[in-house]
C-alpha atoms as a PDB file:
ATOM      1  CA  MET A   1      20.858  -5.922  22.300  1.00  0.00           C
ATOM      2  CA  ALA A   2      18.041  -3.560  21.508  1.00  0.00           C
ATOM      3  CA  THR A   3      16.099  -3.727  18.391  1.00  0.00           C
ATOM      4  CA  PRO A   4      17.007  -1.288  16.178  1.00  0.00           C
ATOM      5  CA  LEU A   5      14.398   1.554  15.469  1.00  0.00           C
ATOM      6  CA  VAL A   6      12.073   1.938  12.774  1.00  0.00           C
ATOM      7  CA  PRO A   7      11.703   4.965  11.065  1.00  0.00           C
ATOM      8  CA  GLN A   8       7.979   5.819  11.374  1.00  0.00           C
ATOM      9  CA  LEU A   9       5.525   8.458  10.847  1.00  0.00           C
ATOM     10  CA  VAL A  10       1.674   8.825  11.884  1.00  0.00           C
ATOM     11  CA  VAL A  11      -0.477  10.704  10.001  1.00  0.00           C
ATOM     12  CA  ALA A  12      -4.101  11.774  10.772  1.00  0.00           C
ATOM     13  CA  SER A  13      -6.915  11.304   8.341  1.00  0.00           C
ATOM     14  CA  ALA A  14     -10.252  12.812   9.610  1.00  0.00           C
ATOM     15  CA  ASP A  15     -11.758  11.454   6.272  1.00  0.00           C
ATOM     16  CA  ALA A  16     -11.662   9.394   3.212  1.00  0.00           C
ATOM     17  CA  ALA A  17     -10.517  12.372   1.347  1.00  0.00           C
ATOM     18  CA  VAL A  18      -7.653  13.287   3.733  1.00  0.00           C
ATOM     19  CA  THR A  19      -7.078   9.393   3.236  1.00  0.00           C
ATOM     20  CA  ARG A  20      -6.654   9.911  -0.612  1.00  0.00           C
ATOM     21  CA  ALA A  21      -4.753  12.858  -0.244  1.00  0.00           C
ATOM     22  CA  LEU A  22      -2.107  10.991   1.657  1.00  0.00           C
ATOM     23  CA  GLY A  23      -2.235   8.475  -1.162  1.00  0.00           C
ATOM     24  CA  GLY A  24      -1.675  11.290  -3.844  1.00  0.00           C
ATOM     25  CA  ARG A  25       1.283  12.454  -1.497  1.00  0.00           C
ATOM     26  CA  LEU A  26       2.799   9.240  -1.349  1.00  0.00           C
ATOM     27  CA  ALA A  27       2.415   8.100  -5.087  1.00  0.00           C
ATOM     28  CA  SER A  28       4.121  12.110  -5.710  1.00  0.00           C
ATOM     29  CA  VAL A  29       7.720  10.040  -4.880  1.00  0.00           C
ATOM     30  CA  ALA A  30       7.336   6.408  -6.262  1.00  0.00           C
ATOM     31  CA  ARG A  31       9.458   4.557  -8.092  1.00  0.00           C
ATOM     32  CA  ALA A  32       9.551   1.432 -10.345  1.00  0.00           C
ATOM     33  CA  GLY A  33      10.239  -1.920  -8.343  1.00  0.00           C
ATOM     34  CA  ASP A  34       8.513  -0.222  -4.821  1.00  0.00           C
ATOM     35  CA  LEU A  35       6.099  -2.064  -2.788  1.00  0.00           C
ATOM     36  CA  VAL A  36       3.588  -0.474  -0.459  1.00  0.00           C
ATOM     37  CA  CYS A  37       1.965  -2.675   2.252  1.00  0.00           C
ATOM     38  CA  LEU A  38      -1.749  -1.505   3.249  1.00  0.00           C
ATOM     39  CA  LEU A  39      -2.649  -2.807   6.634  1.00  0.00           C
ATOM     40  CA  GLY A  40      -5.843  -2.585   8.744  1.00  0.00           C
ATOM     41  CA  GLY A  41      -9.409  -4.059   9.582  1.00  0.00           C
ATOM     42  CA  LEU A  42     -12.157  -4.229   7.207  1.00  0.00           C
ATOM     43  CA  GLY A  43     -13.127  -1.009   6.259  1.00  0.00           C
ATOM     44  CA  ALA A  44     -10.141   0.877   7.600  1.00  0.00           C
ATOM     45  CA  GLY A  45      -9.604   3.027   4.288  1.00  0.00           C
ATOM     46  CA  LYS A  46      -6.729   1.079   2.616  1.00  0.00           C
ATOM     47  CA  THR A  47      -8.966   1.313  -0.792  1.00  0.00           C
ATOM     48  CA  GLN A  48      -9.223   4.537  -0.390  1.00  0.00           C
ATOM     49  CA  LEU A  49      -5.640   5.353   0.408  1.00  0.00           C
ATOM     50  CA  ALA A  50      -5.410   2.932  -3.089  1.00  0.00           C
ATOM     51  CA  LYS A  51      -7.386   5.570  -5.007  1.00  0.00           C
ATOM     52  CA  GLY A  52      -5.600   8.103  -4.172  1.00  0.00           C
ATOM     53  CA  PHE A  53      -2.060   6.488  -4.498  1.00  0.00           C
ATOM     54  CA  ALA A  54      -3.458   5.565  -7.980  1.00  0.00           C
ATOM     55  CA  ALA A  55      -4.781   9.606  -8.980  1.00  0.00           C
ATOM     56  CA  GLY A  56      -1.238  10.588  -7.457  1.00  0.00           C
ATOM     57  CA  LEU A  57       0.823   8.190 -10.391  1.00  0.00           C
ATOM     58  CA  GLY A  58      -1.795   9.819 -13.251  1.00  0.00           C
ATOM     59  CA  VAL A  59      -4.206   6.541 -13.239  1.00  0.00           C
ATOM     60  CA  THR A  60      -7.469   7.839 -14.514  1.00  0.00           C
ATOM     61  CA  ASP A  61      -9.162   4.281 -14.320  1.00  0.00           C
ATOM     62  CA  VAL A  62     -11.628   3.664 -11.902  1.00  0.00           C
ATOM     63  CA  VAL A  63      -9.961   2.287  -8.930  1.00  0.00           C
ATOM     64  CA  ALA A  64     -11.967  -0.478  -6.579  1.00  0.00           C
ATOM     65  CA  SER A  65     -11.118  -3.020  -4.673  1.00  0.00           C
ATOM     66  CA  PRO A  66      -9.934  -6.230  -6.397  1.00  0.00           C
ATOM     67  CA  THR A  67     -11.105  -8.712  -3.873  1.00  0.00           C
ATOM     68  CA  PHE A  68     -12.578 -10.771  -6.044  1.00  0.00           C
ATOM     69  CA  VAL A  69     -10.146 -10.225  -9.160  1.00  0.00           C
ATOM     70  CA  LEU A  70      -7.162 -10.353  -6.538  1.00  0.00           C
ATOM     71  CA  MET A  71      -5.175  -8.144  -8.666  1.00  0.00           C
ATOM     72  CA  ALA A  72      -5.877  -5.042 -10.799  1.00  0.00           C
ATOM     73  CA  GLU A  73      -3.179  -3.234 -13.126  1.00  0.00           C
ATOM     74  CA  TYR A  74      -3.291   0.336 -13.919  1.00  0.00           C
ATOM     75  CA  GLN A  75      -1.608   2.495 -16.564  1.00  0.00           C
ATOM     76  CA  GLY A  76       0.220   5.662 -15.235  1.00  0.00           C
ATOM     77  CA  ARG A  77       3.474   7.485 -14.929  1.00  0.00           C
ATOM     78  CA  LEU A  78       4.356   4.118 -13.568  1.00  0.00           C
ATOM     79  CA  PRO A  79       2.311   1.007 -13.867  1.00  0.00           C
ATOM     80  CA  LEU A  80       0.067   0.107 -10.757  1.00  0.00           C
ATOM     81  CA  PHE A  81      -0.452  -3.272  -9.417  1.00  0.00           C
ATOM     82  CA  HIS A  82      -3.042  -3.202  -6.849  1.00  0.00           C
ATOM     83  CA  LEU A  83      -3.265  -6.502  -4.742  1.00  0.00           C
ATOM     84  CA  ASP A  84      -6.071  -7.237  -2.443  1.00  0.00           C
ATOM     85  CA  LEU A  85      -5.001 -10.887  -0.751  1.00  0.00           C
ATOM     86  CA  TYR A  86      -8.159 -11.050   1.735  1.00  0.00           C
ATOM     87  CA  ARG A  87      -9.685 -14.144   0.316  1.00  0.00           C
ATOM     88  CA  LEU A  88      -5.872 -16.126   0.734  1.00  0.00           C
ATOM     89  CA  ASP A  89      -4.616 -18.036   3.330  1.00  0.00           C
ATOM     90  CA  ASP A  90      -1.282 -17.056   2.765  1.00  0.00           C
ATOM     91  CA  ALA A  91       2.227 -16.053   0.499  1.00  0.00           C
ATOM     92  CA  ALA A  92       2.049 -19.875  -1.185  1.00  0.00           C
ATOM     93  CA  ASP A  93      -1.812 -19.312  -2.223  1.00  0.00           C
ATOM     94  CA  ALA A  94      -0.521 -15.620  -3.877  1.00  0.00           C
ATOM     95  CA  LEU A  95       2.772 -17.425  -4.949  1.00  0.00           C
ATOM     96  CA  ALA A  96       0.988 -20.425  -6.796  1.00  0.00           C
ATOM     97  CA  GLY A  97      -1.912 -17.526  -7.900  1.00  0.00           C
ATOM     98  CA  GLY A  98       1.233 -16.028 -10.152  1.00  0.00           C
ATOM     99  CA  LEU A  99      -0.033 -12.678  -8.363  1.00  0.00           C
ATOM    100  CA  LEU A 100       4.059 -11.692  -7.153  1.00  0.00           C
ATOM    101  CA  ASP A 101       5.930 -11.389 -10.491  1.00  0.00           C
ATOM    102  CA  ASP A 102       8.926 -10.113 -12.248  1.00  0.00           C
ATOM    103  CA  ARG A 103       6.746  -7.268 -14.285  1.00  0.00           C
ATOM    104  CA  GLN A 104       5.604  -6.095 -10.998  1.00  0.00           C
ATOM    105  CA  ALA A 105       9.525  -4.372 -10.951  1.00  0.00           C
ATOM    106  CA  THR A 106       8.276  -1.881 -13.922  1.00  0.00           C
ATOM    107  CA  GLY A 107       5.994  -0.324 -11.990  1.00  0.00           C
ATOM    108  CA  VAL A 108       4.576   0.061  -7.800  1.00  0.00           C
ATOM    109  CA  THR A 109       2.569  -2.833  -5.828  1.00  0.00           C
ATOM    110  CA  LEU A 110       0.184  -1.769  -3.650  1.00  0.00           C
ATOM    111  CA  VAL A 111      -0.992  -4.972  -1.363  1.00  0.00           C
ATOM    112  CA  GLU A 112      -4.106  -4.462   0.688  1.00  0.00           C
ATOM    113  CA  TRP A 113      -4.055  -7.621   3.260  1.00  0.00           C
ATOM    114  CA  ALA A 114      -0.028  -7.895   2.780  1.00  0.00           C
ATOM    115  CA  GLU A 115      -0.162  -9.749   6.459  1.00  0.00           C
ATOM    116  CA  ARG A 116      -1.091 -12.783   4.577  1.00  0.00           C
ATOM    117  CA  LEU A 117       2.160 -13.056   2.991  1.00  0.00           C
ATOM    118  CA  GLY A 118       4.453 -13.403   6.061  1.00  0.00           C
ATOM    119  CA  ALA A 119       7.697 -14.113   6.265  1.00  0.00           C
ATOM    120  CA  ALA A 120       7.483 -13.769   2.235  1.00  0.00           C
ATOM    121  CA  LEU A 121       7.274  -9.757   2.573  1.00  0.00           C
ATOM    122  CA  PRO A 122      10.278  -8.451   1.520  1.00  0.00           C
ATOM    123  CA  ALA A 123      12.422  -5.918   3.863  1.00  0.00           C
ATOM    124  CA  ALA A 124      12.294  -3.518   1.538  1.00  0.00           C
ATOM    125  CA  ARG A 125       8.594  -2.066   1.362  1.00  0.00           C
ATOM    126  CA  LEU A 126       7.185   0.916   3.127  1.00  0.00           C
ATOM    127  CA  ASP A 127       4.056  -0.350   5.790  1.00  0.00           C
ATOM    128  CA  VAL A 128       0.953   1.619   5.358  1.00  0.00           C
ATOM    129  CA  VAL A 129      -0.944   0.817   8.565  1.00  0.00           C
ATOM    130  CA  ILE A 130      -4.609   2.065   9.306  1.00  0.00           C
ATOM    131  CA  THR A 131      -6.605   2.100  12.141  1.00  0.00           C
ATOM    132  CA  GLY A 132     -10.188   3.185  12.992  1.00  0.00           C
ATOM    133  CA  THR A 133     -13.254   2.291  10.925  1.00  0.00           C
ATOM    134  CA  ALA A 134     -16.731   3.436   9.849  1.00  0.00           C
ATOM    135  CA  ASP A 135     -17.259   7.002  10.361  1.00  0.00           C
ATOM    136  CA  GLU A 136     -14.384   7.693  13.176  1.00  0.00           C
ATOM    137  CA  PRO A 137     -11.057   9.403  12.514  1.00  0.00           C
ATOM    138  CA  ARG A 138      -8.316   7.591  11.035  1.00  0.00           C
ATOM    139  CA  SER A 139      -5.075   6.901  12.699  1.00  0.00           C
ATOM    140  CA  ILE A 140      -2.478   6.283   9.409  1.00  0.00           C
ATOM    141  CA  THR A 141       1.212   4.979  10.213  1.00  0.00           C
ATOM    142  CA  LEU A 142       3.842   4.774   7.772  1.00  0.00           C
ATOM    143  CA  ARG A 143       6.626   2.992   8.582  1.00  0.00           C
ATOM    144  CA  THR A 144       9.641   1.640   6.383  1.00  0.00           C
ATOM    145  CA  GLY A 145      13.067  -0.319   7.607  1.00  0.00           C
ATOM    146  CA  ASP A 146      14.843   0.411   4.527  1.00  0.00           C
ATOM    147  CA  SER A 147      16.111   3.388   3.747  1.00  0.00           C
ATOM    148  CA  GLY A 148      15.109   3.804   0.168  1.00  0.00           C
ATOM    149  CA  TYR A 149      11.659   4.149   1.163  1.00  0.00           C
ATOM    150  CA  ARG A 150      12.026   7.352   4.174  1.00  0.00           C
ATOM    151  CA  ARG A 151      11.302   9.419   1.170  1.00  0.00           C
ATOM    152  CA  TYR A 152       7.432   8.456   1.570  1.00  0.00           C
ATOM    153  CA  LEU A 153       7.994   9.733   5.113  1.00  0.00           C
ATOM    154  CA  GLU A 154       8.913  12.697   3.916  1.00  0.00           C
ATOM    155  CA  ALA A 155       6.435  13.300   1.111  1.00  0.00           C
ATOM    156  CA  ALA A 156       3.767  12.536   4.010  1.00  0.00           C
ATOM    157  CA  GLY A 157       5.237  14.867   6.591  1.00  0.00           C
END
């Protein structure tokens, strides 16, 4: 049996400003309960995309990578829960630490290093895969297997 095709869109980003602008476009279609997974190596631009997403939600606070606090919360059109799982080993650490909870149903959850959740990741999500580092252009692939998240691909296109 063939593997079903997952809808995806690839966006080129020449610099951090383009990555932030993409984040803003994505935020324009965000709904309460959404999960956005940011994947990519160190320096790929995950936090830049998160900054743009936050701005697109109307967040006025300074958004930084929550690597040392693991989760930051911001108020905008919707609450934004920004998680960074870089320092965790796996989903058990995130669950034991209370990083995933029912409050997130009221807002949008952005997770940097989401691959750390492994099989605990729900199917209903948007994956944002960023490749490239340093000053080189980025390739940003948006993909989802859930029809409810296809609005993100449309907003980015």
